[in-house]
Amino acid sequence: MNDQARGVNVDITKLNSKELADLISQAQKRKRVLAKRKPINQVRTQINKIVRASGYSFEELFGTAGATSTSAPRKAASKSKGPRKGSKVEAKYRDPANAENTWTGRGKQPRWLAAYIEQGRQLNDFLIAPQTAVPAVSGN
């Protein structure tokens, strides 16, 4: 971890000889500790291999699902209030020449639509009219 990440900022020009020697000693100790350690991803991989070889899942042993990741730990996800990732979104735009060509308005603009716009047409020309609900007929 660098000094900025730890919140430590030492101006060595203001240290006396003893303080500088202590700082050097502490830095050397820390360097030796870090040199002995294996990279965290390698340790996680080894732990996961041992867990699987023993016939357990990581969740059974430790009760967490995210611990099997080889990346840095992440915050727990908050409950989503919107549609789930990968859910279908209704199309907002349709090609008048080919009704199968539609676009939700998300992501990169499709080629068929870009070609029309390049010809001078407006995006709003391709909007799909919203369907209105048919009022129920009462039996009075």
C-alpha atoms as a PDB file:
ATOM      1  CA  MET A   1       0.000   0.000   0.000  1.00  0.00           C
ATOM      2  CA  ASN A   2       1.432   3.404  -0.840  1.00  0.00           C
ATOM      3  CA  ASP A   3       1.730   6.274   1.640  1.00  0.00           C
ATOM      4  CA  GLN A   4      -1.239   8.106   0.167  1.00  0.00           C
ATOM      5  CA  ALA A   5      -3.513   5.046   0.478  1.00  0.00           C
ATOM      6  CA  ARG A   6      -2.572   4.560   4.127  1.00  0.00           C
ATOM      7  CA  GLY A   7      -2.884   8.241   4.969  1.00  0.00           C
ATOM      8  CA  VAL A   8       0.818   8.379   5.932  1.00  0.00           C
ATOM      9  CA  ASN A   9       2.857  11.251   4.615  1.00  0.00           C
ATOM     10  CA  VAL A  10       6.334  11.540   6.114  1.00  0.00           C
ATOM     11  CA  ASP A  11       8.585  14.465   5.263  1.00  0.00           C
ATOM     12  CA  ILE A  12      11.974  12.822   5.734  1.00  0.00           C
ATOM     13  CA  THR A  13      13.774  16.155   5.511  1.00  0.00           C
ATOM     14  CA  LYS A  14      12.411  17.026   8.975  1.00  0.00           C
ATOM     15  CA  LEU A  15      13.516  13.771  10.675  1.00  0.00           C
ATOM     16  CA  ASN A  16      16.588  13.621  12.893  1.00  0.00           C
ATOM     17  CA  SER A  17      19.127  10.816  12.574  1.00  0.00           C
ATOM     18  CA  LYS A  18      17.445   8.488  15.120  1.00  0.00           C
ATOM     19  CA  GLU A  19      13.944   8.995  13.669  1.00  0.00           C
ATOM     20  CA  LEU A  20      15.243   8.352  10.165  1.00  0.00           C
ATOM     21  CA  ALA A  21      17.018   5.157  11.311  1.00  0.00           C
ATOM     22  CA  ASP A  22      13.775   3.965  12.995  1.00  0.00           C
ATOM     23  CA  LEU A  23      11.781   4.665   9.836  1.00  0.00           C
ATOM     24  CA  ILE A  24      14.300   2.773   7.708  1.00  0.00           C
ATOM     25  CA  SER A  25      14.195  -0.158  10.139  1.00  0.00           C
ATOM     26  CA  GLN A  26      10.382  -0.276  10.047  1.00  0.00           C
ATOM     27  CA  ALA A  27      10.394  -0.084   6.238  1.00  0.00           C
ATOM     28  CA  GLN A  28      12.903  -2.937   5.984  1.00  0.00           C
ATOM     29  CA  LYS A  29      10.827  -5.126   8.342  1.00  0.00           C
ATOM     30  CA  ARG A  30       7.708  -4.450   6.299  1.00  0.00           C
ATOM     31  CA  LYS A  31       9.575  -5.213   3.078  1.00  0.00           C
ATOM     32  CA  ARG A  32      10.739  -8.600   4.465  1.00  0.00           C
ATOM     33  CA  VAL A  33       7.179  -9.487   5.502  1.00  0.00           C
ATOM     34  CA  LEU A  34       5.817  -8.588   2.068  1.00  0.00           C
ATOM     35  CA  ALA A  35       8.595 -10.497   0.292  1.00  0.00           C
ATOM     36  CA  LYS A  36       7.587 -13.720   2.098  1.00  0.00           C
ATOM     37  CA  ARG A  37       3.929 -13.409   1.137  1.00  0.00           C
ATOM     38  CA  LYS A  38       2.511 -15.015  -1.978  1.00  0.00           C
ATOM     39  CA  PRO A  39       0.219 -12.943  -4.200  1.00  0.00           C
ATOM     40  CA  ILE A  40      -3.337 -12.918  -2.832  1.00  0.00           C
ATOM     41  CA  ASN A  41      -4.848 -14.397  -6.011  1.00  0.00           C
ATOM     42  CA  GLN A  42      -2.456 -17.340  -5.793  1.00  0.00           C
ATOM     43  CA  VAL A  43      -3.409 -17.972  -2.143  1.00  0.00           C
ATOM     44  CA  ARG A  44      -7.130 -17.797  -2.965  1.00  0.00           C
ATOM     45  CA  THR A  45      -6.677 -20.271  -5.808  1.00  0.00           C
ATOM     46  CA  GLN A  46      -4.824 -22.702  -3.522  1.00  0.00           C
ATOM     47  CA  ILE A  47      -7.512 -22.421  -0.839  1.00  0.00           C
ATOM     48  CA  ASN A  48     -10.265 -23.045  -3.378  1.00  0.00           C
ATOM     49  CA  LYS A  49      -8.457 -26.134  -4.702  1.00  0.00           C
ATOM     50  CA  ILE A  50      -8.129 -27.551  -1.181  1.00  0.00           C
ATOM     51  CA  VAL A  51     -11.793 -26.839  -0.409  1.00  0.00           C
ATOM     52  CA  ARG A  52     -12.999 -28.524  -3.620  1.00  0.00           C
ATOM     53  CA  ALA A  53     -10.624 -31.477  -3.164  1.00  0.00           C
ATOM     54  CA  SER A  54     -12.104 -32.007   0.308  1.00  0.00           C
ATOM     55  CA  GLY A  55     -15.604 -32.265  -1.157  1.00  0.00           C
ATOM     56  CA  TYR A  56     -16.924 -29.018   0.310  1.00  0.00           C
ATOM     57  CA  SER A  57     -17.949 -25.744  -1.201  1.00  0.00           C
ATOM     58  CA  PHE A  58     -16.499 -22.505   0.080  1.00  0.00           C
ATOM     59  CA  GLU A  59     -20.007 -21.429   1.092  1.00  0.00           C
ATOM     60  CA  GLU A  60     -20.451 -24.566   3.240  1.00  0.00           C
ATOM     61  CA  LEU A  61     -17.250 -23.875   5.127  1.00  0.00           C
ATOM     62  CA  PHE A  62     -17.343 -20.102   5.452  1.00  0.00           C
ATOM     63  CA  GLY A  63     -20.915 -19.101   4.658  1.00  0.00           C
ATOM     64  CA  THR A  64     -20.085 -16.518   1.999  1.00  0.00           C
ATOM     65  CA  ALA A  65     -20.597 -16.712  -1.741  1.00  0.00           C
ATOM     66  CA  GLY A  66     -18.211 -13.933  -2.815  1.00  0.00           C
ATOM     67  CA  ALA A  67     -15.097 -15.411  -1.199  1.00  0.00           C
ATOM     68  CA  THR A  68     -14.391 -17.768  -4.120  1.00  0.00           C
ATOM     69  CA  SER A  69     -13.574 -14.831  -6.381  1.00  0.00           C
ATOM     70  CA  THR A  70      -9.960 -14.295  -7.376  1.00  0.00           C
ATOM     71  CA  SER A  71     -10.400 -10.517  -7.361  1.00  0.00           C
ATOM     72  CA  ALA A  72     -10.410  -8.101  -4.455  1.00  0.00           C
ATOM     73  CA  PRO A  73     -13.319  -8.326  -1.985  1.00  0.00           C
ATOM     74  CA  ARG A  74     -16.392  -6.336  -2.949  1.00  0.00           C
ATOM     75  CA  LYS A  75     -19.214  -4.719  -1.046  1.00  0.00           C
ATOM     76  CA  ALA A  76     -22.418  -6.706  -0.777  1.00  0.00           C
ATOM     77  CA  ALA A  77     -24.868  -5.813  -3.513  1.00  0.00           C
ATOM     78  CA  SER A  78     -27.869  -3.793  -2.488  1.00  0.00           C
ATOM     79  CA  LYS A  79     -31.303  -5.045  -3.439  1.00  0.00           C
ATOM     80  CA  SER A  80     -32.212  -3.894  -6.907  1.00  0.00           C
ATOM     81  CA  LYS A  81     -35.375  -1.898  -7.331  1.00  0.00           C
ATOM     82  CA  GLY A  82     -35.353  -1.908 -11.134  1.00  0.00           C
ATOM     83  CA  PRO A  83     -35.525  -4.676 -13.697  1.00  0.00           C
ATOM     84  CA  ARG A  84     -32.888  -7.374 -13.426  1.00  0.00           C
ATOM     85  CA  LYS A  85     -29.875  -7.354 -15.686  1.00  0.00           C
ATOM     86  CA  GLY A  86     -30.624  -9.125 -18.914  1.00  0.00           C
ATOM     87  CA  SER A  87     -34.368  -8.587 -18.692  1.00  0.00           C
ATOM     88  CA  LYS A  88     -36.260  -7.767 -21.869  1.00  0.00           C
ATOM     89  CA  VAL A  89     -36.950  -4.125 -22.635  1.00  0.00           C
ATOM     90  CA  GLU A  90     -39.686  -3.132 -25.052  1.00  0.00           C
ATOM     91  CA  ALA A  91     -38.603  -1.693 -28.379  1.00  0.00           C
ATOM     92  CA  LYS A  92     -39.055   2.062 -28.801  1.00  0.00           C
ATOM     93  CA  TYR A  93     -38.129   2.353 -32.480  1.00  0.00           C
ATOM     94  CA  ARG A  94     -39.162   0.315 -35.544  1.00  0.00           C
ATOM     95  CA  ASP A  95     -38.002   0.264 -39.159  1.00  0.00           C
ATOM     96  CA  PRO A  96     -41.023   1.111 -41.365  1.00  0.00           C
ATOM     97  CA  ALA A  97     -39.572  -0.941 -44.239  1.00  0.00           C
ATOM     98  CA  ASN A  98     -38.979  -4.051 -42.106  1.00  0.00           C
ATOM     99  CA  ALA A  99     -41.020  -4.454 -38.917  1.00  0.00           C
ATOM    100  CA  GLU A 100     -38.541  -7.019 -37.581  1.00  0.00           C
ATOM    101  CA  ASN A 101     -35.908  -4.284 -37.243  1.00  0.00           C
ATOM    102  CA  THR A 102     -36.462  -2.727 -33.830  1.00  0.00           C
ATOM    103  CA  TRP A 103     -34.339  -0.908 -31.266  1.00  0.00           C
ATOM    104  CA  THR A 104     -34.901  -0.290 -27.556  1.00  0.00           C
ATOM    105  CA  GLY A 105     -32.971   2.967 -27.566  1.00  0.00           C
ATOM    106  CA  ARG A 106     -30.211   1.406 -25.497  1.00  0.00           C
ATOM    107  CA  GLY A 107     -26.722   0.594 -26.645  1.00  0.00           C
ATOM    108  CA  LYS A 108     -25.257   1.350 -30.037  1.00  0.00           C
ATOM    109  CA  GLN A 109     -27.672   2.602 -32.669  1.00  0.00           C
ATOM    110  CA  PRO A 110     -28.407  -0.136 -35.244  1.00  0.00           C
ATOM    111  CA  ARG A 111     -27.162   0.275 -38.812  1.00  0.00           C
ATOM    112  CA  TRP A 112     -30.628   0.434 -40.338  1.00  0.00           C
ATOM    113  CA  LEU A 113     -31.517   3.407 -38.126  1.00  0.00           C
ATOM    114  CA  ALA A 114     -28.171   5.143 -38.602  1.00  0.00           C
ATOM    115  CA  ALA A 115     -28.660   4.896 -42.387  1.00  0.00           C
ATOM    116  CA  TYR A 116     -32.071   6.600 -42.178  1.00  0.00           C
ATOM    117  CA  ILE A 117     -30.700   9.372 -39.961  1.00  0.00           C
ATOM    118  CA  GLU A 118     -27.790   9.874 -42.355  1.00  0.00           C
ATOM    119  CA  GLN A 119     -30.407  10.414 -45.101  1.00  0.00           C
ATOM    120  CA  GLY A 120     -31.862  13.277 -43.054  1.00  0.00           C
ATOM    121  CA  ARG A 121     -34.666  11.525 -41.168  1.00  0.00           C
ATOM    122  CA  GLN A 122     -35.249  12.216 -37.451  1.00  0.00           C
ATOM    123  CA  LEU A 123     -35.062   9.627 -34.673  1.00  0.00           C
ATOM    124  CA  ASN A 124     -38.619  10.507 -33.622  1.00  0.00           C
ATOM    125  CA  ASP A 125     -39.857   9.396 -37.071  1.00  0.00           C
ATOM    126  CA  PHE A 126     -39.263   5.796 -35.983  1.00  0.00           C
ATOM    127  CA  LEU A 127     -40.910   5.878 -32.553  1.00  0.00           C
ATOM    128  CA  ILE A 128     -43.378   3.070 -31.950  1.00  0.00           C
ATOM    129  CA  ALA A 129     -46.762   4.503 -30.993  1.00  0.00           C
ATOM    130  CA  PRO A 130     -47.657   3.608 -27.399  1.00  0.00           C
ATOM    131  CA  GLN A 131     -50.489   1.138 -27.139  1.00  0.00           C
ATOM    132  CA  THR A 132     -53.391   2.516 -25.169  1.00  0.00           C
ATOM    133  CA  ALA A 133     -55.498   0.279 -23.009  1.00  0.00           C
ATOM    134  CA  VAL A 134     -58.919  -0.553 -24.427  1.00  0.00           C
ATOM    135  CA  PRO A 135     -61.617   0.480 -21.929  1.00  0.00           C
ATOM    136  CA  ALA A 136     -63.617  -2.406 -20.541  1.00  0.00           C
ATOM    137  CA  VAL A 137     -67.266  -2.542 -21.569  1.00  0.00           C
ATOM    138  CA  SER A 138     -69.515  -2.675 -18.553  1.00  0.00           C
ATOM    139  CA  GLY A 139     -72.491  -5.019 -18.616  1.00  0.00           C
ATOM    140  CA  ASN A 140     -75.032  -2.571 -17.129  1.00  0.00           C
END
